C-alpha atoms as a PDB file:
ATOM      1  CA  MET A   1     -18.765  26.175  16.841  1.00  0.00           C
ATOM      2  CA  SER A   2     -18.747  22.439  16.006  1.00  0.00           C
ATOM      3  CA  ARG A   3     -15.628  20.618  15.426  1.00  0.00           C
ATOM      4  CA  ARG A   4     -15.207  18.392  12.484  1.00  0.00           C
ATOM      5  CA  ARG A   5     -13.433  15.220  13.064  1.00  0.00           C
ATOM      6  CA  LYS A   6     -10.649  14.724  10.738  1.00  0.00           C
ATOM      7  CA  LYS A   7     -10.964  11.519   8.831  1.00  0.00           C
ATOM      8  CA  GLN A   8      -8.258   9.203  10.113  1.00  0.00           C
ATOM      9  CA  GLU A   9      -5.966   8.230   7.334  1.00  0.00           C
ATOM     10  CA  GLU A  10      -5.601   4.458   6.727  1.00  0.00           C
ATOM     11  CA  HIS A  11      -2.149   3.014   7.213  1.00  0.00           C
ATOM     12  CA  VAL A  12      -0.715   1.823   3.969  1.00  0.00           C
ATOM     13  CA  ASN A  13       1.136  -1.573   4.306  1.00  0.00           C
ATOM     14  CA  LEU A  14       3.966  -1.501   1.890  1.00  0.00           C
ATOM     15  CA  GLU A  15       5.085  -5.136   2.720  1.00  0.00           C
ATOM     16  CA  ARG A  16       1.903  -7.001   1.631  1.00  0.00           C
ATOM     17  CA  TRP A  17       3.846  -8.679  -1.153  1.00  0.00           C
ATOM     18  CA  LEU A  18       5.850 -10.700   1.451  1.00  0.00           C
ATOM     19  CA  VAL A  19       2.750 -12.739   2.342  1.00  0.00           C
ATOM     20  CA  SER A  20       2.231 -13.901  -1.233  1.00  0.00           C
ATOM     21  CA  TYR A  21       5.931 -14.493  -1.657  1.00  0.00           C
ATOM     22  CA  ALA A  22       6.074 -16.618   1.460  1.00  0.00           C
ATOM     23  CA  ASP A  23       3.172 -18.727   0.283  1.00  0.00           C
ATOM     24  CA  PHE A  24       4.850 -19.252  -3.066  1.00  0.00           C
ATOM     25  CA  ILE A  25       8.108 -20.330  -1.460  1.00  0.00           C
ATOM     26  CA  THR A  26       6.285 -22.714   0.826  1.00  0.00           C
ATOM     27  CA  LEU A  27       4.495 -24.355  -2.074  1.00  0.00           C
ATOM     28  CA  LEU A  28       7.703 -24.570  -4.057  1.00  0.00           C
ATOM     29  CA  PHE A  29       9.490 -26.228  -1.127  1.00  0.00           C
ATOM     30  CA  ALA A  30       6.642 -28.724  -0.785  1.00  0.00           C
ATOM     31  CA  PHE A  31       6.878 -29.491  -4.519  1.00  0.00           C
ATOM     32  CA  PHE A  32      10.557 -30.299  -4.284  1.00  0.00           C
ATOM     33  CA  VAL A  33      10.064 -32.385  -1.191  1.00  0.00           C
ATOM     34  CA  VAL A  34       7.472 -34.517  -3.092  1.00  0.00           C
ATOM     35  CA  MET A  35       9.739 -34.816  -6.123  1.00  0.00           C
ATOM     36  CA  TYR A  36      12.632 -36.001  -3.871  1.00  0.00           C
ATOM     37  CA  ALA A  37      10.461 -38.508  -2.134  1.00  0.00           C
ATOM     38  CA  ILE A  38       9.352 -39.981  -5.533  1.00  0.00           C
ATOM     39  CA  SER A  39      12.848 -40.258  -6.808  1.00  0.00           C
ATOM     40  CA  SER A  40      14.015 -42.019  -3.619  1.00  0.00           C
ATOM     41  CA  VAL A  41      11.847 -45.104  -4.077  1.00  0.00           C
ATOM     42  CA  ASN A  42      13.698 -48.334  -3.144  1.00  0.00           C
ATOM     43  CA  GLU A  43      14.300 -49.665  -6.628  1.00  0.00           C
ATOM     44  CA  GLY A  44      15.363 -53.055  -5.381  1.00  0.00           C
ATOM     45  CA  LYS A  45      12.079 -53.696  -3.469  1.00  0.00           C
ATOM     46  CA  TYR A  46      10.102 -52.281  -6.293  1.00  0.00           C
ATOM     47  CA  ARG A  47      11.844 -54.727  -8.683  1.00  0.00           C
ATOM     48  CA  VAL A  48      11.063 -57.604  -6.341  1.00  0.00           C
ATOM     49  CA  LEU A  49       7.357 -56.659  -6.352  1.00  0.00           C
ATOM     50  CA  SER A  50       7.258 -56.086 -10.079  1.00  0.00           C
ATOM     51  CA  ASP A  51       9.018 -59.348 -10.974  1.00  0.00           C
ATOM     52  CA  THR A  52       6.795 -61.307  -8.621  1.00  0.00           C
ATOM     53  CA  LEU A  53       3.615 -59.888 -10.092  1.00  0.00           C
ATOM     54  CA  ASN A  54       4.799 -60.530 -13.604  1.00  0.00           C
ATOM     55  CA  GLU A  55       5.656 -64.138 -12.719  1.00  0.00           C
ATOM     56  CA  VAL A  56       2.260 -64.701 -11.056  1.00  0.00           C
ATOM     57  CA  PHE A  57       0.185 -63.252 -13.894  1.00  0.00           C
ATOM     58  CA  LYS A  58       2.230 -64.918 -16.695  1.00  0.00           C
ATOM     59  CA  SER A  59       2.332 -68.454 -15.290  1.00  0.00           C
ATOM     60  CA  ARG A  60      -1.018 -68.431 -13.440  1.00  0.00           C
ATOM     61  CA  PRO A  61      -0.129 -71.482 -11.344  1.00  0.00           C
ATOM     62  CA  THR A  62      -2.931 -73.808 -10.113  1.00  0.00           C
ATOM     63  CA  SER A  63      -1.504 -73.660  -6.635  1.00  0.00           C
ATOM     64  CA  PRO A  64       0.024 -70.681  -4.947  1.00  0.00           C
ATOM     65  CA  VAL A  65       3.860 -70.383  -5.280  1.00  0.00           C
ATOM     66  CA  PRO A  66       5.529 -69.093  -2.151  1.00  0.00           C
ATOM     67  CA  ILE A  67       7.922 -66.151  -2.774  1.00  0.00           C
ATOM     68  CA  GLU A  68      10.742 -66.003  -0.225  1.00  0.00           C
ATOM     69  CA  PHE A  69      11.576 -62.316   0.037  1.00  0.00           C
ATOM     70  CA  ASP A  70      13.948 -62.918   2.899  1.00  0.00           C
ATOM     71  CA  ASN A  71      16.165 -65.137   0.741  1.00  0.00           C
ATOM     72  CA  ALA A  72      16.129 -62.570  -1.969  1.00  0.00           C
ATOM     73  CA  LEU A  73      17.141 -59.799   0.427  1.00  0.00           C
ATOM     74  CA  GLN A  74      19.980 -61.986   1.710  1.00  0.00           C
ATOM     75  CA  ASN A  75      21.339 -62.260  -1.842  1.00  0.00           C
ATOM     76  CA  LYS A  76      21.474 -58.509  -2.073  1.00  0.00           C
ATOM     77  CA  LYS A  77      24.569 -57.363  -3.997  1.00  0.00           C
ATOM     78  CA  ALA A  78      26.408 -54.172  -3.166  1.00  0.00           C
ATOM     79  CA  SER A  79      26.931 -52.015  -6.257  1.00  0.00           C
ATOM     80  CA  SER A  80      28.077 -48.455  -6.539  1.00  0.00           C
ATOM     81  CA  SER A  81      25.707 -47.794  -9.454  1.00  0.00           C
ATOM     82  CA  ASP A  82      22.740 -49.627  -7.983  1.00  0.00           C
ATOM     83  CA  PRO A  83      23.117 -50.136  -4.169  1.00  0.00           C
ATOM     84  CA  ASP A  84      19.565 -51.552  -3.823  1.00  0.00           C
ATOM     85  CA  TYR A  85      19.908 -54.228  -6.484  1.00  0.00           C
ATOM     86  CA  ILE A  86      18.584 -57.654  -5.430  1.00  0.00           C
ATOM     87  CA  GLU A  87      19.409 -60.826  -7.372  1.00  0.00           C
ATOM     88  CA  LEU A  88      16.235 -62.916  -7.476  1.00  0.00           C
ATOM     89  CA  PRO A  89      16.239 -66.713  -7.621  1.00  0.00           C
ATOM     90  CA  VAL A  90      15.357 -68.035 -11.101  1.00  0.00           C
ATOM     91  CA  PRO A  91      12.338 -70.433 -10.947  1.00  0.00           C
ATOM     92  CA  GLY A  92      13.061 -73.852 -12.424  1.00  0.00           C
ATOM     93  CA  HIS A  93      16.840 -73.494 -12.396  1.00  0.00           C
ATOM     94  CA  ASP A  94      19.649 -74.499 -10.066  1.00  0.00           C
ATOM     95  CA  ASN A  95      20.942 -71.166  -8.897  1.00  0.00           C
ATOM     96  CA  ASN A  96      24.083 -72.524  -7.216  1.00  0.00           C
ATOM     97  CA  LEU A  97      27.179 -71.500  -9.125  1.00  0.00           C
ATOM     98  CA  THR A  98      28.839 -74.804  -8.157  1.00  0.00           C
ATOM     99  CA  PRO A  99      26.607 -77.589  -9.556  1.00  0.00           C
ATOM    100  CA  PRO A 100      26.160 -80.938  -7.750  1.00  0.00           C
ATOM    101  CA  ASP A 101      27.934 -84.060  -8.908  1.00  0.00           C
ATOM    102  CA  ASN A 102      27.684 -84.733 -12.648  1.00  0.00           C
ATOM    103  CA  PRO A 103      27.840 -88.482 -13.052  1.00  0.00           C
ATOM    104  CA  ASN A 104      26.810 -88.076 -16.757  1.00  0.00           C
ATOM    105  CA  LEU A 105      29.921 -86.070 -17.522  1.00  0.00           C
ATOM    106  CA  ASP A 106      32.119 -88.602 -15.778  1.00  0.00           C
ATOM    107  CA  ALA A 107      30.556 -91.543 -17.682  1.00  0.00           C
ATOM    108  CA  LEU A 108      30.654 -89.709 -21.008  1.00  0.00           C
ATOM    109  CA  SER A 109      34.225 -88.664 -20.526  1.00  0.00           C
ATOM    110  CA  GLU A 110      35.339 -92.253 -20.042  1.00  0.00           C
ATOM    111  CA  LYS A 111      33.297 -93.615 -22.894  1.00  0.00           C
ATOM    112  CA  ILE A 112      34.317 -90.913 -25.430  1.00  0.00           C
ATOM    113  CA  THR A 113      37.957 -91.174 -24.409  1.00  0.00           C
ATOM    114  CA  GLU A 114      37.909 -94.917 -25.023  1.00  0.00           C
ATOM    115  CA  ALA A 115      36.201 -94.460 -28.404  1.00  0.00           C
ATOM    116  CA  VAL A 116      38.658 -91.915 -29.775  1.00  0.00           C
ATOM    117  CA  GLN A 117      41.830 -92.905 -27.904  1.00  0.00           C
ATOM    118  CA  PRO A 118      43.938 -93.265 -31.160  1.00  0.00           C
ATOM    119  CA  LEU A 119      43.087 -89.692 -32.145  1.00  0.00           C
ATOM    120  CA  ILE A 120      43.921 -88.472 -28.669  1.00  0.00           C
ATOM    121  CA  ASP A 121      47.293 -90.198 -28.914  1.00  0.00           C
ATOM    122  CA  ASP A 122      47.881 -88.394 -32.270  1.00  0.00           C
ATOM    123  CA  ASP A 123      46.984 -85.078 -30.604  1.00  0.00           C
ATOM    124  CA  LEU A 124      44.041 -84.597 -32.973  1.00  0.00           C
ATOM    125  CA  ILE A 125      41.428 -84.640 -30.221  1.00  0.00           C
ATOM    126  CA  LYS A 126      41.723 -83.273 -26.650  1.00  0.00           C
ATOM    127  CA  ILE A 127      39.158 -83.984 -23.875  1.00  0.00           C
ATOM    128  CA  LYS A 128      38.791 -81.674 -20.927  1.00  0.00           C
ATOM    129  CA  LYS A 129      36.369 -81.915 -18.061  1.00  0.00           C
ATOM    130  CA  ASN A 130      35.428 -79.768 -15.075  1.00  0.00           C
ATOM    131  CA  ASP A 131      32.492 -79.420 -12.745  1.00  0.00           C
ATOM    132  CA  PHE A 132      30.488 -77.578 -15.310  1.00  0.00           C
ATOM    133  CA  TRP A 133      31.051 -79.170 -18.734  1.00  0.00           C
ATOM    134  CA  LEU A 134      32.859 -81.799 -20.783  1.00  0.00           C
ATOM    135  CA  GLU A 135      34.873 -80.304 -23.709  1.00  0.00           C
ATOM    136  CA  ILE A 136      35.964 -82.244 -26.737  1.00  0.00           C
ATOM    137  CA  ASP A 137      38.424 -80.298 -28.841  1.00  0.00           C
ATOM    138  CA  ILE A 138      38.658 -81.618 -32.397  1.00  0.00           C
ATOM    139  CA  LYS A 139      41.168 -80.297 -34.948  1.00  0.00           C
ATOM    140  CA  SER A 140      39.532 -79.052 -38.156  1.00  0.00           C
ATOM    141  CA  SER A 141      42.154 -80.847 -40.275  1.00  0.00           C
ATOM    142  CA  ILE A 142      40.412 -84.201 -39.561  1.00  0.00           C
ATOM    143  CA  LEU A 143      36.901 -82.763 -40.166  1.00  0.00           C
ATOM    144  CA  PHE A 144      36.947 -80.450 -43.198  1.00  0.00           C
ATOM    145  CA  LYS A 145      38.910 -79.672 -46.302  1.00  0.00           C
ATOM    146  CA  SER A 146      40.453 -76.271 -46.743  1.00  0.00           C
ATOM    147  CA  GLY A 147      37.879 -73.417 -46.963  1.00  0.00           C
ATOM    148  CA  THR A 148      34.842 -75.692 -46.724  1.00  0.00           C
ATOM    149  CA  ALA A 149      32.223 -76.682 -44.150  1.00  0.00           C
ATOM    150  CA  THR A 150      31.482 -80.146 -45.680  1.00  0.00           C
ATOM    151  CA  LEU A 151      32.436 -83.026 -43.311  1.00  0.00           C
ATOM    152  CA  SER A 152      34.749 -85.645 -44.732  1.00  0.00           C
ATOM    153  CA  GLU A 153      33.838 -89.353 -44.659  1.00  0.00           C
ATOM    154  CA  ASP A 154      36.338 -89.988 -41.872  1.00  0.00           C
ATOM    155  CA  ALA A 155      34.945 -87.055 -39.899  1.00  0.00           C
ATOM    156  CA  GLU A 156      31.441 -88.500 -40.235  1.00  0.00           C
ATOM    157  CA  ASP A 157      32.549 -91.791 -38.791  1.00  0.00           C
ATOM    158  CA  ILE A 158      34.355 -90.112 -35.866  1.00  0.00           C
ATOM    159  CA  LEU A 159      31.417 -87.833 -35.067  1.00  0.00           C
ATOM    160  CA  ALA A 160      28.854 -90.629 -35.508  1.00  0.00           C
ATOM    161  CA  SER A 161      30.629 -92.683 -32.824  1.00  0.00           C
ATOM    162  CA  ILE A 162      30.545 -89.714 -30.477  1.00  0.00           C
ATOM    163  CA  ALA A 163      26.881 -89.038 -31.284  1.00  0.00           C
ATOM    164  CA  ASP A 164      25.951 -92.585 -30.383  1.00  0.00           C
ATOM    165  CA  LEU A 165      27.305 -91.969 -26.878  1.00  0.00           C
ATOM    166  CA  ILE A 166      25.856 -88.418 -26.484  1.00  0.00           C
ATOM    167  CA  LYS A 167      22.326 -89.322 -27.445  1.00  0.00           C
ATOM    168  CA  GLU A 168      21.986 -91.727 -24.541  1.00  0.00           C
ATOM    169  CA  TYR A 169      22.262 -88.778 -22.051  1.00  0.00           C
ATOM    170  CA  PRO A 170      19.991 -85.807 -21.563  1.00  0.00           C
ATOM    171  CA  ASN A 171      22.766 -83.160 -21.345  1.00  0.00           C
ATOM    172  CA  ASP A 172      22.637 -80.120 -23.604  1.00  0.00           C
ATOM    173  CA  VAL A 173      25.330 -79.979 -26.307  1.00  0.00           C
ATOM    174  CA  GLN A 174      26.922 -76.792 -27.635  1.00  0.00           C
ATOM    175  CA  VAL A 175      28.970 -77.045 -30.846  1.00  0.00           C
ATOM    176  CA  GLU A 176      31.554 -74.283 -31.258  1.00  0.00           C
ATOM    177  CA  GLY A 177      33.423 -73.475 -34.457  1.00  0.00           C
ATOM    178  CA  PHE A 178      36.772 -71.591 -34.541  1.00  0.00           C
ATOM    179  CA  THR A 179      39.183 -70.504 -37.212  1.00  0.00           C
ATOM    180  CA  ASP A 180      42.584 -68.907 -37.371  1.00  0.00           C
ATOM    181  CA  ASN A 181      43.167 -65.310 -38.438  1.00  0.00           C
ATOM    182  CA  VAL A 182      43.776 -66.088 -42.141  1.00  0.00           C
ATOM    183  CA  PRO A 183      41.099 -64.079 -43.973  1.00  0.00           C
ATOM    184  CA  ILE A 184      38.737 -65.828 -46.267  1.00  0.00           C
ATOM    185  CA  LYS A 185      36.403 -64.300 -48.846  1.00  0.00           C
ATOM    186  CA  THR A 186      34.389 -66.576 -51.021  1.00  0.00           C
ATOM    187  CA  ALA A 187      30.824 -66.714 -52.339  1.00  0.00           C
ATOM    188  CA  ASN A 188      29.804 -69.043 -49.483  1.00  0.00           C
ATOM    189  CA  PHE A 189      31.987 -67.591 -46.737  1.00  0.00           C
ATOM    190  CA  PRO A 190      32.541 -63.868 -46.890  1.00  0.00           C
ATOM    191  CA  SER A 191      34.511 -64.054 -43.657  1.00  0.00           C
ATOM    192  CA  ASN A 192      35.628 -66.415 -40.915  1.00  0.00           C
ATOM    193  CA  TRP A 193      32.411 -65.723 -39.076  1.00  0.00           C
ATOM    194  CA  GLU A 194      30.408 -67.585 -41.750  1.00  0.00           C
ATOM    195  CA  LEU A 195      32.965 -70.360 -42.039  1.00  0.00           C
ATOM    196  CA  SER A 196      33.112 -71.143 -38.305  1.00  0.00           C
ATOM    197  CA  SER A 197      29.342 -70.983 -37.940  1.00  0.00           C
ATOM    198  CA  ALA A 198      28.808 -73.201 -40.988  1.00  0.00           C
ATOM    199  CA  ARG A 199      31.259 -75.831 -39.632  1.00  0.00           C
ATOM    200  CA  ALA A 200      29.520 -75.872 -36.259  1.00  0.00           C
ATOM    201  CA  ALA A 201      26.141 -76.218 -38.044  1.00  0.00           C
ATOM    202  CA  SER A 202      27.450 -79.162 -40.083  1.00  0.00           C
ATOM    203  CA  VAL A 203      28.291 -81.047 -36.879  1.00  0.00           C
ATOM    204  CA  VAL A 204      24.913 -80.292 -35.395  1.00  0.00           C
ATOM    205  CA  HIS A 205      23.159 -81.643 -38.557  1.00  0.00           C
ATOM    206  CA  LEU A 206      25.149 -84.793 -38.410  1.00  0.00           C
ATOM    207  CA  PHE A 207      24.366 -85.295 -34.727  1.00  0.00           C
ATOM    208  CA  GLU A 208      20.659 -84.771 -35.530  1.00  0.00           C
ATOM    209  CA  GLU A 209      20.871 -87.417 -38.251  1.00  0.00           C
ATOM    210  CA  GLU A 210      22.474 -89.764 -35.731  1.00  0.00           C
ATOM    211  CA  GLY A 211      19.576 -89.372 -33.337  1.00  0.00           C
ATOM    212  CA  VAL A 212      20.617 -86.591 -30.973  1.00  0.00           C
ATOM    213  CA  ASP A 213      17.632 -84.474 -29.990  1.00  0.00           C
ATOM    214  CA  PRO A 214      17.991 -81.132 -31.843  1.00  0.00           C
ATOM    215  CA  LYS A 215      16.319 -79.336 -28.922  1.00  0.00           C
ATOM    216  CA  ARG A 216      19.374 -80.179 -26.828  1.00  0.00           C
ATOM    217  CA  MET A 217      21.915 -78.618 -29.281  1.00  0.00           C
ATOM    218  CA  GLN A 218      23.065 -75.217 -30.453  1.00  0.00           C
ATOM    219  CA  ALA A 219      25.712 -74.151 -32.987  1.00  0.00           C
ATOM    220  CA  ILE A 220      27.978 -71.174 -32.352  1.00  0.00           C
ATOM    221  CA  GLY A 221      30.669 -69.670 -34.590  1.00  0.00           C
ATOM    222  CA  TYR A 222      33.425 -67.639 -32.946  1.00  0.00           C
ATOM    223  CA  GLY A 223      35.444 -66.973 -36.058  1.00  0.00           C
ATOM    224  CA  GLU A 224      39.070 -65.999 -35.429  1.00  0.00           C
ATOM    225  CA  PHE A 225      38.405 -64.178 -32.210  1.00  0.00           C
ATOM    226  CA  LYS A 226      38.848 -66.874 -29.542  1.00  0.00           C
ATOM    227  CA  PRO A 227      42.311 -68.202 -30.230  1.00  0.00           C
ATOM    228  CA  ILE A 228      44.057 -70.695 -27.916  1.00  0.00           C
ATOM    229  CA  ALA A 229      47.509 -70.315 -29.573  1.00  0.00           C
ATOM    230  CA  ASP A 230      49.652 -67.771 -31.320  1.00  0.00           C
ATOM    231  CA  ASN A 231      48.346 -67.087 -34.904  1.00  0.00           C
ATOM    232  CA  ASN A 232      51.823 -65.905 -35.857  1.00  0.00           C
ATOM    233  CA  THR A 233      53.038 -69.476 -36.362  1.00  0.00           C
ATOM    234  CA  PRO A 234      51.760 -72.314 -38.492  1.00  0.00           C
ATOM    235  CA  GLU A 235      51.448 -74.496 -35.413  1.00  0.00           C
ATOM    236  CA  GLY A 236      49.453 -71.908 -33.626  1.00  0.00           C
ATOM    237  CA  ARG A 237      47.112 -71.404 -36.535  1.00  0.00           C
ATOM    238  CA  ASN A 238      46.617 -75.158 -36.820  1.00  0.00           C
ATOM    239  CA  ALA A 239      45.638 -75.311 -33.112  1.00  0.00           C
ATOM    240  CA  ASN A 240      43.139 -72.452 -33.516  1.00  0.00           C
ATOM    241  CA  ARG A 241      41.316 -74.162 -36.379  1.00  0.00           C
ATOM    242  CA  ARG A 242      39.049 -76.426 -34.331  1.00  0.00           C
ATOM    243  CA  VAL A 243      35.557 -77.535 -33.428  1.00  0.00           C
ATOM    244  CA  ASN A 244      34.648 -77.934 -29.775  1.00  0.00           C
ATOM    245  CA  LEU A 245      31.869 -80.187 -28.547  1.00  0.00           C
ATOM    246  CA  VAL A 246      30.779 -78.801 -25.140  1.00  0.00           C
ATOM    247  CA  ILE A 247      28.510 -81.136 -23.111  1.00  0.00           C
ATOM    248  CA  LEU A 248      26.923 -79.072 -20.386  1.00  0.00           C
ATOM    249  CA  GLY A 249      26.496 -80.471 -16.891  1.00  0.00           C
ATOM    250  CA  LYS A 250      23.819 -79.765 -14.298  1.00  0.00           C
ATOM    251  CA  GLY A 251      23.062 -76.340 -13.059  1.00  0.00           C
ATOM    252  CA  ASP A 252      21.599 -73.026 -14.364  1.00  0.00           C
ATOM    253  CA  PRO A 253      22.433 -73.163 -18.154  1.00  0.00           C
ATOM    254  CA  ARG A 254      22.759 -69.375 -18.275  1.00  0.00           C
ATOM    255  CA  ARG A 255      25.362 -69.286 -15.504  1.00  0.00           C
ATOM    256  CA  ILE A 256      27.228 -72.191 -16.984  1.00  0.00           C
ATOM    257  CA  MET A 257      27.376 -70.403 -20.373  1.00  0.00           C
ATOM    258  CA  GLN A 258      28.583 -67.258 -18.647  1.00  0.00           C
ATOM    259  CA  LYS A 259      31.388 -69.278 -17.073  1.00  0.00           C
ATOM    260  CA  ARG A 260      32.130 -70.913 -20.420  1.00  0.00           C
ATOM    261  CA  ILE A 261      32.440 -67.496 -22.116  1.00  0.00           C
ATOM    262  CA  GLN A 262      34.706 -66.277 -19.305  1.00  0.00           C
ATOM    263  CA  SER A 263      36.884 -69.375 -19.819  1.00  0.00           C
ATOM    264  CA  LEU A 264      37.208 -68.539 -23.568  1.00  0.00           C
ATOM    265  CA  ARG A 265      38.101 -64.952 -22.719  1.00  0.00           C
ATOM    266  CA  GLU A 266      40.836 -66.043 -20.359  1.00  0.00           C
ATOM    267  CA  GLN A 267      42.299 -68.308 -23.051  1.00  0.00           C
ATOM    268  CA  GLN A 268      42.158 -65.388 -25.484  1.00  0.00           C
ATOM    269  CA  GLN A 269      43.827 -63.083 -22.933  1.00  0.00           C
ATOM    270  CA  LYS A 270      46.627 -65.535 -22.367  1.00  0.00           C
ATOM    271  CA  THR A 271      47.181 -65.740 -26.121  1.00  0.00           C
ATOM    272  CA  THR A 272      47.170 -61.943 -26.421  1.00  0.00           C
ATOM    273  CA  ASP A 273      49.633 -61.665 -23.628  1.00  0.00           C
ATOM    274  CA  THR A 274      51.932 -64.178 -25.337  1.00  0.00           C
ATOM    275  CA  ASP A 275      51.751 -62.203 -28.583  1.00  0.00           C
ATOM    276  CA  LYS A 276      52.871 -59.024 -26.721  1.00  0.00           C
ATOM    277  CA  THR A 277      56.018 -60.740 -25.508  1.00  0.00           C
ATOM    278  CA  GLY A 278      57.533 -60.272 -28.968  1.00  0.00           C
ATOM    279  CA  SER A 279      57.061 -63.626 -30.726  1.00  0.00           C
ATOM    280  CA  THR A 280      58.380 -63.657 -34.260  1.00  0.00           C
ATOM    281  CA  LYS A 281      55.908 -63.832 -37.045  1.00  0.00           C
ATOM    282  CA  GLU A 282      56.480 -66.498 -39.636  1.00  0.00           C
ATOM    283  CA  PRO A 283      55.269 -66.014 -43.234  1.00  0.00           C
ATOM    284  CA  PHE A 284      52.417 -68.272 -44.346  1.00  0.00           C
ATOM    285  CA  ASN A 285      50.657 -69.024 -47.640  1.00  0.00           C
ATOM    286  CA  PRO A 286      46.854 -68.823 -47.159  1.00  0.00           C
ATOM    287  CA  VAL A 287      46.369 -70.871 -50.325  1.00  0.00           C
ATOM    288  CA  ILE A 288      48.505 -73.801 -49.263  1.00  0.00           C
ATOM    289  CA  GLU A 289      47.773 -73.785 -45.509  1.00  0.00           C
ATOM    290  CA  LEU A 290      44.589 -75.498 -44.519  1.00  0.00           C
ATOM    291  CA  GLN A 291      41.886 -73.250 -43.156  1.00  0.00           C
END
């Protein structure tokens, strides 16, 4: 009697899904590792490379321009928001915050002071000089009539004498117009923004007529928002109505302008702090008081 072999039953593996699951988890882990690596690119070094390539392809110099990455890395600034930020040197500009000697400013300061000395004595013009610019502060009362941006004949003579001195030097000139906080609303000047800008532009036009290169000049209107005195008194409002001639010295113009704006903000902050001390407001008549 023959025996029949019983067919051996195959073992059923109930855990086969673990192999596929493990493969999936491995691929997912690899995906996140790649994503993290991409997100951790050194942005500072990438910016150095990007700016360098842009500069090369835009300018296309006839001779190679050496790029000093070591100096750029030494100028690296620590920042909580961007720890890898690197400040690059600006080609064609003096990147030192403190400019070299400015003999032009010294010479201009002496010449302009001598030319307008009587007005300085009457406290109608103030001249200030530092290492970055020469500032000539002119009261609006000797330049314009109330509510207008048309220069008076006396103002034209004063500014023409200053222009004759300025045009002999290559320094850039910034003309700034300021007003007090008395509101104005006319067909020509809807607000103090327009009035201050128009007054600065009037001075620039006169300088151009007197031979100052217009490429050296710019006109800026600050309105009532950069006071140097308390607008609550007639004397303070009179001091705030002014036109400043700012003759820039050597150095990176952008950095000098940043320092100039910071200076105006500091003056504004001092005035604001003075207002908070409880100064008494005096009534004024905007029709009678010169703007």
